[in-house]
Amino acid sequence: MMTATVLCSLDDIPDGGGKQVAGDGEAAVVVLRRGEQAWAYRNVCPHFSIPLNYEPDTFWTYEGEHLMCAHHSAMFRFEDGVCVDGPCLGAALTRVPVRVEDRQVIEGDTV
């Protein structure tokens, strides 16, 4: 049986925004939220392999649809992490599978 890892509460993430949580040793993880949905990605821009944010836990998001890299303005879709504008167009963030149960964001696809 696989042990579930709670990354954070859904309520800890601003609706339409993001929150940085501890990673598994590789890199920090950014969890994005829109309503009752959540997505998570390694906090590493594919352009230069640097964090997507300048300041801890501060992420630029637009209309609950896109996450912007604070360094070079690359824009990534919440749903799949694909860059839709900027210097790494077509590249994607590294997905961390998550699910929402009882308003908790849990790492992993299914129970």
N, C-alpha and C. Protein backbone atom coordinates (compact mmCIF):
# COMPACT_ATOMS: atom_id res chain seq x y z
N MET A 1 0.84 -1.18 0.00
CA MET A 1 0.00 0.00 0.00
C MET A 1 0.88 1.25 0.00
N MET A 2 0.55 2.19 -0.84
CA MET A 2 1.34 3.41 -0.98
C MET A 2 0.92 4.44 0.07
N THR A 3 1.89 5.09 0.69
CA THR A 3 1.62 6.12 1.68
C THR A 3 1.32 7.44 0.96
N ALA A 4 0.21 8.07 1.33
CA ALA A 4 -0.18 9.35 0.72
C ALA A 4 0.57 10.47 1.41
N THR A 5 1.02 11.45 0.62
CA THR A 5 1.70 12.62 1.15
C THR A 5 0.82 13.83 0.94
N VAL A 6 0.38 14.45 2.03
CA VAL A 6 -0.41 15.67 1.93
C VAL A 6 0.56 16.82 1.69
N LEU A 7 0.38 17.54 0.57
CA LEU A 7 1.25 18.66 0.24
C LEU A 7 0.81 19.93 0.95
N CYS A 8 -0.51 20.16 0.98
CA CYS A 8 -1.06 21.34 1.65
C CYS A 8 -2.58 21.24 1.61
N SER A 9 -3.22 22.16 2.29
CA SER A 9 -4.67 22.27 2.22
C SER A 9 -5.03 23.08 0.98
N LEU A 10 -6.12 22.74 0.34
CA LEU A 10 -6.60 23.52 -0.81
C LEU A 10 -6.82 24.97 -0.38
N ASP A 11 -7.27 25.16 0.85
CA ASP A 11 -7.56 26.50 1.37
C ASP A 11 -6.30 27.34 1.61
N ASP A 12 -5.13 26.70 1.61
CA ASP A 12 -3.87 27.44 1.77
C ASP A 12 -3.42 28.11 0.47
N ILE A 13 -4.07 27.74 -0.64
CA ILE A 13 -3.69 28.26 -1.95
C ILE A 13 -4.73 29.29 -2.38
N PRO A 14 -4.31 30.50 -2.75
CA PRO A 14 -5.30 31.46 -3.23
C PRO A 14 -6.01 30.92 -4.48
N ASP A 15 -7.32 31.09 -4.56
CA ASP A 15 -8.06 30.65 -5.75
C ASP A 15 -7.52 31.41 -6.95
N GLY A 16 -7.06 30.68 -7.96
CA GLY A 16 -6.45 31.30 -9.14
C GLY A 16 -4.97 31.58 -8.96
N GLY A 17 -4.39 31.08 -7.87
CA GLY A 17 -2.98 31.34 -7.58
C GLY A 17 -2.19 30.08 -7.32
N GLY A 18 -1.01 30.28 -6.72
CA GLY A 18 -0.12 29.17 -6.46
C GLY A 18 0.54 29.26 -5.10
N LYS A 19 1.06 28.12 -4.65
CA LYS A 19 1.76 28.04 -3.37
C LYS A 19 2.92 27.07 -3.53
N GLN A 20 4.06 27.43 -2.97
CA GLN A 20 5.22 26.55 -2.98
C GLN A 20 5.15 25.62 -1.78
N VAL A 21 5.41 24.34 -2.02
CA VAL A 21 5.46 23.35 -0.95
C VAL A 21 6.78 22.60 -1.06
N ALA A 22 7.17 21.92 0.01
CA ALA A 22 8.42 21.17 0.01
C ALA A 22 8.37 20.07 -1.03
N GLY A 23 9.48 19.87 -1.67
CA GLY A 23 9.58 18.80 -2.67
C GLY A 23 10.10 17.53 -2.05
N ASP A 24 10.43 16.56 -2.88
CA ASP A 24 10.93 15.28 -2.39
C ASP A 24 12.45 15.21 -2.50
N GLY A 25 13.12 16.35 -2.43
CA GLY A 25 14.57 16.38 -2.51
C GLY A 25 15.08 16.88 -3.85
N GLU A 26 14.28 16.75 -4.91
CA GLU A 26 14.71 17.21 -6.23
C GLU A 26 14.55 18.72 -6.36
N ALA A 27 13.37 19.21 -6.13
CA ALA A 27 13.08 20.64 -6.25
C ALA A 27 11.78 20.92 -5.52
N ALA A 28 11.58 22.17 -5.17
CA ALA A 28 10.31 22.55 -4.57
C ALA A 28 9.20 22.33 -5.59
N VAL A 29 7.99 22.28 -5.09
CA VAL A 29 6.82 22.05 -5.93
C VAL A 29 5.90 23.27 -5.82
N VAL A 30 5.34 23.70 -6.94
CA VAL A 30 4.32 24.75 -6.91
C VAL A 30 2.97 24.08 -7.16
N VAL A 31 2.01 24.35 -6.27
CA VAL A 31 0.66 23.82 -6.42
C VAL A 31 -0.22 24.98 -6.87
N LEU A 32 -0.95 24.78 -7.96
CA LEU A 32 -1.85 25.78 -8.52
C LEU A 32 -3.29 25.40 -8.23
N ARG A 33 -4.13 26.40 -8.06
CA ARG A 33 -5.53 26.12 -7.73
C ARG A 33 -6.47 26.97 -8.58
N ARG A 34 -7.55 26.34 -9.03
CA ARG A 34 -8.69 27.03 -9.61
C ARG A 34 -9.93 26.37 -9.03
N GLY A 35 -10.62 27.09 -8.16
CA GLY A 35 -11.81 26.52 -7.53
C GLY A 35 -11.44 25.30 -6.71
N GLU A 36 -12.05 24.17 -7.04
CA GLU A 36 -11.81 22.92 -6.31
C GLU A 36 -10.75 22.06 -6.98
N GLN A 37 -10.12 22.56 -8.04
CA GLN A 37 -9.11 21.79 -8.77
C GLN A 37 -7.72 22.24 -8.36
N ALA A 38 -6.75 21.32 -8.45
CA ALA A 38 -5.36 21.63 -8.15
C ALA A 38 -4.45 20.88 -9.12
N TRP A 39 -3.35 21.51 -9.46
CA TRP A 39 -2.30 20.93 -10.30
C TRP A 39 -0.98 21.23 -9.63
N ALA A 40 0.02 20.38 -9.82
CA ALA A 40 1.32 20.62 -9.21
C ALA A 40 2.43 20.35 -10.22
N TYR A 41 3.48 21.15 -10.10
CA TYR A 41 4.65 21.04 -10.98
C TYR A 41 5.90 21.31 -10.18
N ARG A 42 7.02 20.78 -10.64
CA ARG A 42 8.31 21.14 -10.05
C ARG A 42 8.48 22.64 -10.27
N ASN A 43 8.99 23.33 -9.28
CA ASN A 43 9.19 24.78 -9.38
C ASN A 43 10.49 25.07 -10.11
N VAL A 44 10.52 24.65 -11.39
CA VAL A 44 11.70 24.82 -12.23
C VAL A 44 11.23 25.20 -13.64
N CYS A 45 11.66 26.37 -14.11
CA CYS A 45 11.31 26.79 -15.46
C CYS A 45 12.16 26.00 -16.46
N PRO A 46 11.54 25.47 -17.52
CA PRO A 46 12.31 24.70 -18.50
C PRO A 46 13.26 25.58 -19.35
N HIS A 47 13.11 26.89 -19.27
CA HIS A 47 13.96 27.79 -20.04
C HIS A 47 15.39 27.78 -19.55
N PHE A 48 15.61 28.04 -18.26
CA PHE A 48 16.96 28.07 -17.70
C PHE A 48 17.10 27.23 -16.43
N SER A 49 16.15 26.36 -16.15
CA SER A 49 16.18 25.52 -14.96
C SER A 49 16.36 26.32 -13.67
N ILE A 50 15.59 27.40 -13.56
CA ILE A 50 15.60 28.23 -12.36
C ILE A 50 14.18 28.27 -11.80
N PRO A 51 14.01 28.63 -10.51
CA PRO A 51 12.66 28.69 -9.94
C PRO A 51 11.77 29.67 -10.72
N LEU A 52 10.48 29.39 -10.69
CA LEU A 52 9.50 30.23 -11.38
C LEU A 52 9.20 31.52 -10.64
N ASN A 53 9.65 31.62 -9.40
CA ASN A 53 9.35 32.81 -8.58
C ASN A 53 10.65 33.48 -8.13
N TYR A 54 10.56 34.80 -7.87
CA TYR A 54 11.68 35.56 -7.28
C TYR A 54 11.69 35.42 -5.77
N GLU A 55 10.52 35.59 -5.17
CA GLU A 55 10.38 35.59 -3.72
C GLU A 55 9.67 34.31 -3.28
N PRO A 56 10.01 33.82 -2.09
CA PRO A 56 9.35 32.60 -1.62
C PRO A 56 7.82 32.74 -1.60
N ASP A 57 7.16 31.70 -2.12
CA ASP A 57 5.70 31.61 -2.09
C ASP A 57 4.98 32.74 -2.82
N THR A 58 5.66 33.42 -3.75
CA THR A 58 5.03 34.48 -4.53
C THR A 58 5.06 34.07 -6.00
N PHE A 59 3.87 33.79 -6.55
CA PHE A 59 3.78 33.36 -7.94
C PHE A 59 2.85 34.29 -8.70
N TRP A 60 3.22 34.63 -9.92
CA TRP A 60 2.39 35.48 -10.78
C TRP A 60 1.48 34.59 -11.60
N THR A 61 0.18 34.78 -11.42
CA THR A 61 -0.80 34.02 -12.19
C THR A 61 -1.76 35.01 -12.84
N TYR A 62 -2.36 34.58 -13.93
CA TYR A 62 -3.26 35.44 -14.69
C TYR A 62 -4.60 34.76 -14.90
N GLU A 63 -5.65 35.38 -14.35
CA GLU A 63 -7.03 34.93 -14.51
C GLU A 63 -7.23 33.46 -14.17
N GLY A 64 -6.44 32.94 -13.25
CA GLY A 64 -6.57 31.53 -12.86
C GLY A 64 -6.34 30.57 -14.00
N GLU A 65 -5.60 31.02 -15.02
CA GLU A 65 -5.38 30.20 -16.21
C GLU A 65 -3.90 29.92 -16.47
N HIS A 66 -3.04 30.91 -16.18
CA HIS A 66 -1.62 30.80 -16.53
C HIS A 66 -0.73 31.18 -15.36
N LEU A 67 0.39 30.49 -15.27
CA LEU A 67 1.45 30.77 -14.32
C LEU A 67 2.60 31.40 -15.11
N MET A 68 3.13 32.52 -14.62
CA MET A 68 4.20 33.19 -15.35
C MET A 68 5.53 33.03 -14.60
N CYS A 69 6.58 32.70 -15.34
CA CYS A 69 7.92 32.68 -14.77
C CYS A 69 8.33 34.12 -14.50
N ALA A 70 8.73 34.41 -13.26
CA ALA A 70 9.09 35.77 -12.87
C ALA A 70 10.39 36.24 -13.51
N HIS A 71 11.16 35.36 -14.07
CA HIS A 71 12.46 35.73 -14.62
C HIS A 71 12.41 36.14 -16.09
N HIS A 72 11.68 35.39 -16.92
CA HIS A 72 11.65 35.68 -18.35
C HIS A 72 10.25 35.72 -18.94
N SER A 73 9.24 35.78 -18.08
CA SER A 73 7.84 35.97 -18.49
C SER A 73 7.24 34.84 -19.31
N ALA A 74 7.80 33.65 -19.26
CA ALA A 74 7.17 32.51 -19.93
C ALA A 74 5.84 32.23 -19.23
N MET A 75 4.81 31.90 -20.02
CA MET A 75 3.47 31.66 -19.49
C MET A 75 3.10 30.18 -19.67
N PHE A 76 2.68 29.55 -18.57
CA PHE A 76 2.36 28.12 -18.56
C PHE A 76 0.90 27.91 -18.17
N ARG A 77 0.21 27.00 -18.90
CA ARG A 77 -1.18 26.66 -18.57
C ARG A 77 -1.24 25.88 -17.27
N PHE A 78 -2.25 26.17 -16.45
CA PHE A 78 -2.46 25.44 -15.20
C PHE A 78 -2.65 23.94 -15.49
N GLU A 79 -3.50 23.61 -16.47
CA GLU A 79 -3.95 22.22 -16.69
C GLU A 79 -2.84 21.26 -17.07
N ASP A 80 -1.88 21.69 -17.88
CA ASP A 80 -0.87 20.75 -18.36
C ASP A 80 0.56 21.27 -18.27
N GLY A 81 0.75 22.50 -17.80
CA GLY A 81 2.09 23.04 -17.63
C GLY A 81 2.80 23.42 -18.91
N VAL A 82 2.09 23.40 -20.04
CA VAL A 82 2.72 23.72 -21.33
C VAL A 82 2.91 25.23 -21.44
N CYS A 83 4.09 25.62 -21.93
CA CYS A 83 4.39 27.03 -22.15
C CYS A 83 3.67 27.49 -23.42
N VAL A 84 2.81 28.50 -23.27
CA VAL A 84 2.02 29.01 -24.39
C VAL A 84 2.52 30.36 -24.88
N ASP A 85 3.49 30.96 -24.16
CA ASP A 85 4.06 32.23 -24.59
C ASP A 85 5.40 32.42 -23.87
N GLY A 86 6.38 32.91 -24.58
CA GLY A 86 7.67 33.20 -23.96
C GLY A 86 8.80 32.41 -24.59
N PRO A 87 9.99 32.49 -23.97
CA PRO A 87 11.20 31.94 -24.57
C PRO A 87 11.26 30.41 -24.65
N CYS A 88 10.40 29.70 -23.92
CA CYS A 88 10.42 28.23 -23.99
C CYS A 88 9.11 27.70 -24.57
N LEU A 89 8.52 28.44 -25.49
CA LEU A 89 7.25 28.08 -26.13
C LEU A 89 7.24 26.60 -26.53
N GLY A 90 6.19 25.89 -26.09
CA GLY A 90 6.04 24.49 -26.42
C GLY A 90 6.64 23.53 -25.40
N ALA A 91 7.58 24.02 -24.58
CA ALA A 91 8.14 23.18 -23.51
C ALA A 91 7.11 23.07 -22.39
N ALA A 92 7.35 22.22 -21.44
CA ALA A 92 6.38 22.05 -20.34
C ALA A 92 7.09 21.92 -19.01
N LEU A 93 6.36 22.32 -17.97
CA LEU A 93 6.82 22.12 -16.61
C LEU A 93 6.75 20.63 -16.29
N THR A 94 7.52 20.17 -15.32
CA THR A 94 7.50 18.77 -14.90
C THR A 94 6.35 18.56 -13.94
N ARG A 95 5.38 17.73 -14.36
CA ARG A 95 4.17 17.49 -13.59
C ARG A 95 4.45 16.65 -12.35
N VAL A 96 3.78 17.01 -11.26
CA VAL A 96 3.75 16.21 -10.04
C VAL A 96 2.29 15.80 -9.88
N PRO A 97 1.97 14.52 -10.01
CA PRO A 97 0.57 14.11 -9.91
C PRO A 97 -0.01 14.38 -8.52
N VAL A 98 -1.18 15.02 -8.51
CA VAL A 98 -1.88 15.30 -7.26
C VAL A 98 -3.37 15.04 -7.43
N ARG A 99 -4.03 14.89 -6.28
CA ARG A 99 -5.48 14.78 -6.25
C ARG A 99 -5.96 15.56 -5.04
N VAL A 100 -7.23 15.93 -5.05
CA VAL A 100 -7.82 16.66 -3.92
C VAL A 100 -8.81 15.74 -3.24
N GLU A 101 -8.60 15.54 -1.93
CA GLU A 101 -9.51 14.74 -1.10
C GLU A 101 -9.76 15.50 0.19
N ASP A 102 -11.02 15.70 0.52
CA ASP A 102 -11.38 16.41 1.76
C ASP A 102 -10.62 17.73 1.90
N ARG A 103 -10.51 18.44 0.77
CA ARG A 103 -9.86 19.76 0.69
C ARG A 103 -8.36 19.72 0.97
N GLN A 104 -7.77 18.51 0.89
CA GLN A 104 -6.33 18.36 1.03
C GLN A 104 -5.74 18.01 -0.34
N VAL A 105 -4.62 18.65 -0.68
CA VAL A 105 -3.91 18.32 -1.93
C VAL A 105 -2.92 17.23 -1.58
N ILE A 106 -3.12 16.06 -2.21
CA ILE A 106 -2.35 14.87 -1.91
C ILE A 106 -1.56 14.46 -3.13
N GLU A 107 -0.27 14.19 -2.93
CA GLU A 107 0.57 13.76 -4.03
C GLU A 107 0.16 12.36 -4.46
N GLY A 108 0.02 12.16 -5.77
CA GLY A 108 -0.37 10.87 -6.34
C GLY A 108 -1.68 10.99 -7.10
N ASP A 109 -1.85 10.14 -8.12
CA ASP A 109 -3.03 10.21 -8.98
C ASP A 109 -4.29 9.60 -8.35
N THR A 110 -4.14 8.42 -7.79
CA THR A 110 -5.31 7.71 -7.26
C THR A 110 -4.97 7.06 -5.93
N VAL A 111 -6.01 6.58 -5.27
CA VAL A 111 -5.83 5.92 -3.96
C VAL A 111 -5.29 4.54 -4.17
